[in-house]
Amino acid sequence: MDTLNRECLHQIHQSARLLSKKANEALVAYDLYMSQWTVLFCLDTFGPKTQKDIWTYLNVEAPTITRTVTRLEANGWVKRVQGKDKRENLIVMTDDAKARFE
């Protein structure tokens, strides 16, 4: 990798870290982290989704979404509802979460 590409990659990484830090600082008032907000954004934008749909869309590993959804559920942001298939659970924003998300 040449010097220009390395420096560009470094700047992108530093910018992403700064944006994430600033977002987390803004979200602290809602007891959320950016990783949790991205799940809520996905649900708000596309409606109820399975955990697999969420981790596929966000391009993260399944255990990460499982932990994140569990925390969001414990804090009243989402709930799990049975899908058409009894083996499938959908993740749905609560009514309170929809109002707070705006």
C-alpha atoms as a PDB file:
ATOM      1  CA  MET A   1       0.000   0.000   0.000  1.00  0.00           C
ATOM      2  CA  ASP A   2       1.458   3.323  -0.944  1.00  0.00           C
ATOM      3  CA  THR A   3       1.811   6.252   1.468  1.00  0.00           C
ATOM      4  CA  LEU A   4      -1.176   8.173   0.085  1.00  0.00           C
ATOM      5  CA  ASN A   5      -3.505   5.194   0.525  1.00  0.00           C
ATOM      6  CA  ARG A   6      -2.230   4.539   4.061  1.00  0.00           C
ATOM      7  CA  GLU A   7      -2.731   8.161   5.060  1.00  0.00           C
ATOM      8  CA  CYS A   8      -6.201   8.263   3.479  1.00  0.00           C
ATOM      9  CA  LEU A   9      -7.180   5.063   5.294  1.00  0.00           C
ATOM     10  CA  HIS A  10      -5.863   6.481   8.565  1.00  0.00           C
ATOM     11  CA  GLN A  11      -7.859   9.717   8.104  1.00  0.00           C
ATOM     12  CA  ILE A  12     -11.047   7.782   7.351  1.00  0.00           C
ATOM     13  CA  HIS A  13     -10.519   5.682  10.469  1.00  0.00           C
ATOM     14  CA  GLN A  14      -9.840   8.720  12.664  1.00  0.00           C
ATOM     15  CA  SER A  15     -12.902  10.525  11.275  1.00  0.00           C
ATOM     16  CA  ALA A  16     -15.125   7.498  11.903  1.00  0.00           C
ATOM     17  CA  ARG A  17     -13.853   7.252  15.495  1.00  0.00           C
ATOM     18  CA  LEU A  18     -14.526  10.938  16.101  1.00  0.00           C
ATOM     19  CA  LEU A  19     -18.038  10.713  14.648  1.00  0.00           C
ATOM     20  CA  SER A  20     -18.787   7.649  16.757  1.00  0.00           C
ATOM     21  CA  LYS A  21     -17.500   9.386  19.892  1.00  0.00           C
ATOM     22  CA  LYS A  22     -19.603  12.494  19.235  1.00  0.00           C
ATOM     23  CA  ALA A  23     -22.685  10.389  18.498  1.00  0.00           C
ATOM     24  CA  ASN A  24     -22.227   8.440  21.740  1.00  0.00           C
ATOM     25  CA  GLU A  25     -21.918  11.721  23.643  1.00  0.00           C
ATOM     26  CA  ALA A  26     -25.208  12.928  22.146  1.00  0.00           C
ATOM     27  CA  LEU A  27     -26.970   9.602  22.740  1.00  0.00           C
ATOM     28  CA  VAL A  28     -25.997   9.354  26.423  1.00  0.00           C
ATOM     29  CA  ALA A  29     -29.084  11.461  27.258  1.00  0.00           C
ATOM     30  CA  TYR A  30     -31.203   8.579  25.924  1.00  0.00           C
ATOM     31  CA  ASP A  31     -29.139   5.859  27.599  1.00  0.00           C
ATOM     32  CA  LEU A  32     -28.094   4.609  24.148  1.00  0.00           C
ATOM     33  CA  TYR A  33     -24.890   3.888  22.291  1.00  0.00           C
ATOM     34  CA  MET A  34     -24.346   4.319  18.563  1.00  0.00           C
ATOM     35  CA  SER A  35     -24.432   0.546  18.029  1.00  0.00           C
ATOM     36  CA  GLN A  36     -27.880   0.435  19.649  1.00  0.00           C
ATOM     37  CA  TRP A  37     -29.060   3.456  17.682  1.00  0.00           C
ATOM     38  CA  THR A  38     -28.145   1.744  14.410  1.00  0.00           C
ATOM     39  CA  VAL A  39     -30.465  -1.158  15.281  1.00  0.00           C
ATOM     40  CA  LEU A  40     -33.261   1.295  16.083  1.00  0.00           C
ATOM     41  CA  PHE A  41     -32.570   3.141  12.826  1.00  0.00           C
ATOM     42  CA  CYS A  42     -32.862  -0.133  10.912  1.00  0.00           C
ATOM     43  CA  LEU A  43     -36.187  -0.960  12.592  1.00  0.00           C
ATOM     44  CA  ASP A  44     -37.536   2.570  12.160  1.00  0.00           C
ATOM     45  CA  THR A  45     -36.598   2.611   8.487  1.00  0.00           C
ATOM     46  CA  PHE A  46     -37.599  -0.918   7.457  1.00  0.00           C
ATOM     47  CA  GLY A  47     -40.065  -2.029  10.138  1.00  0.00           C
ATOM     48  CA  PRO A  48     -39.926  -5.253  12.167  1.00  0.00           C
ATOM     49  CA  LYS A  49     -37.005  -7.505  11.250  1.00  0.00           C
ATOM     50  CA  THR A  50     -35.492 -10.761  12.386  1.00  0.00           C
ATOM     51  CA  GLN A  51     -32.141 -10.609  14.123  1.00  0.00           C
ATOM     52  CA  LYS A  52     -30.606 -12.205  11.050  1.00  0.00           C
ATOM     53  CA  ASP A  53     -32.054  -9.453   8.844  1.00  0.00           C
ATOM     54  CA  ILE A  54     -30.599  -6.841  11.197  1.00  0.00           C
ATOM     55  CA  TRP A  55     -27.092  -8.291  11.405  1.00  0.00           C
ATOM     56  CA  THR A  56     -27.038  -8.846   7.659  1.00  0.00           C
ATOM     57  CA  TYR A  57     -28.087  -5.235   6.973  1.00  0.00           C
ATOM     58  CA  LEU A  58     -25.633  -3.788   9.512  1.00  0.00           C
ATOM     59  CA  ASN A  59     -22.844  -6.170   8.440  1.00  0.00           C
ATOM     60  CA  VAL A  60     -22.002  -7.272  11.989  1.00  0.00           C
ATOM     61  CA  GLU A  61     -21.764 -10.651  13.643  1.00  0.00           C
ATOM     62  CA  ALA A  62     -24.848 -12.395  15.020  1.00  0.00           C
ATOM     63  CA  PRO A  63     -23.722 -12.434  18.705  1.00  0.00           C
ATOM     64  CA  THR A  64     -23.234  -8.662  18.572  1.00  0.00           C
ATOM     65  CA  ILE A  65     -26.853  -8.132  17.506  1.00  0.00           C
ATOM     66  CA  THR A  66     -28.091 -10.649  20.070  1.00  0.00           C
ATOM     67  CA  ARG A  67     -26.402  -8.695  22.883  1.00  0.00           C
ATOM     68  CA  THR A  68     -27.531  -5.347  21.501  1.00  0.00           C
ATOM     69  CA  VAL A  69     -31.163  -6.434  21.085  1.00  0.00           C
ATOM     70  CA  THR A  70     -31.153  -7.934  24.598  1.00  0.00           C
ATOM     71  CA  ARG A  71     -29.991  -4.593  26.034  1.00  0.00           C
ATOM     72  CA  LEU A  72     -32.507  -2.634  23.980  1.00  0.00           C
ATOM     73  CA  GLU A  73     -35.262  -4.984  25.134  1.00  0.00           C
ATOM     74  CA  ALA A  74     -34.252  -4.622  28.791  1.00  0.00           C
ATOM     75  CA  ASN A  75     -34.378  -0.824  28.401  1.00  0.00           C
ATOM     76  CA  GLY A  76     -37.818  -0.851  26.751  1.00  0.00           C
ATOM     77  CA  TRP A  77     -36.735   0.147  23.253  1.00  0.00           C
ATOM     78  CA  VAL A  78     -37.692  -3.082  21.469  1.00  0.00           C
ATOM     79  CA  LYS A  79     -39.697  -6.230  21.999  1.00  0.00           C
ATOM     80  CA  ARG A  80     -39.623  -9.652  20.407  1.00  0.00           C
ATOM     81  CA  VAL A  81     -42.801 -10.905  18.772  1.00  0.00           C
ATOM     82  CA  GLN A  82     -43.477 -14.215  17.126  1.00  0.00           C
ATOM     83  CA  GLY A  83     -43.345 -14.127  13.354  1.00  0.00           C
ATOM     84  CA  LYS A  84     -45.414 -16.132  10.880  1.00  0.00           C
ATOM     85  CA  ASP A  85     -43.107 -19.073  11.446  1.00  0.00           C
ATOM     86  CA  LYS A  86     -43.073 -20.219  15.097  1.00  0.00           C
ATOM     87  CA  ARG A  87     -39.290 -20.562  14.907  1.00  0.00           C
ATOM     88  CA  GLU A  88     -38.926 -16.908  13.934  1.00  0.00           C
ATOM     89  CA  ASN A  89     -39.006 -13.912  16.235  1.00  0.00           C
ATOM     90  CA  LEU A  90     -39.299 -10.393  14.909  1.00  0.00           C
ATOM     91  CA  ILE A  91     -37.670  -7.453  16.627  1.00  0.00           C
ATOM     92  CA  VAL A  92     -40.125  -4.552  16.885  1.00  0.00           C
ATOM     93  CA  MET A  93     -39.704  -1.047  18.276  1.00  0.00           C
ATOM     94  CA  THR A  94     -42.018  -0.370  21.214  1.00  0.00           C
ATOM     95  CA  ASP A  95     -44.556   2.447  20.913  1.00  0.00           C
ATOM     96  CA  ASP A  96     -42.547   4.409  23.492  1.00  0.00           C
ATOM     97  CA  ALA A  97     -39.382   3.882  21.461  1.00  0.00           C
ATOM     98  CA  LYS A  98     -41.063   5.144  18.291  1.00  0.00           C
ATOM     99  CA  ALA A  99     -42.062   8.343  20.057  1.00  0.00           C
ATOM    100  CA  ARG A 100     -38.631   8.787  21.659  1.00  0.00           C
ATOM    101  CA  PHE A 101     -36.727   7.938  18.482  1.00  0.00           C
ATOM    102  CA  GLU A 102     -38.049  10.990  16.667  1.00  0.00           C
END
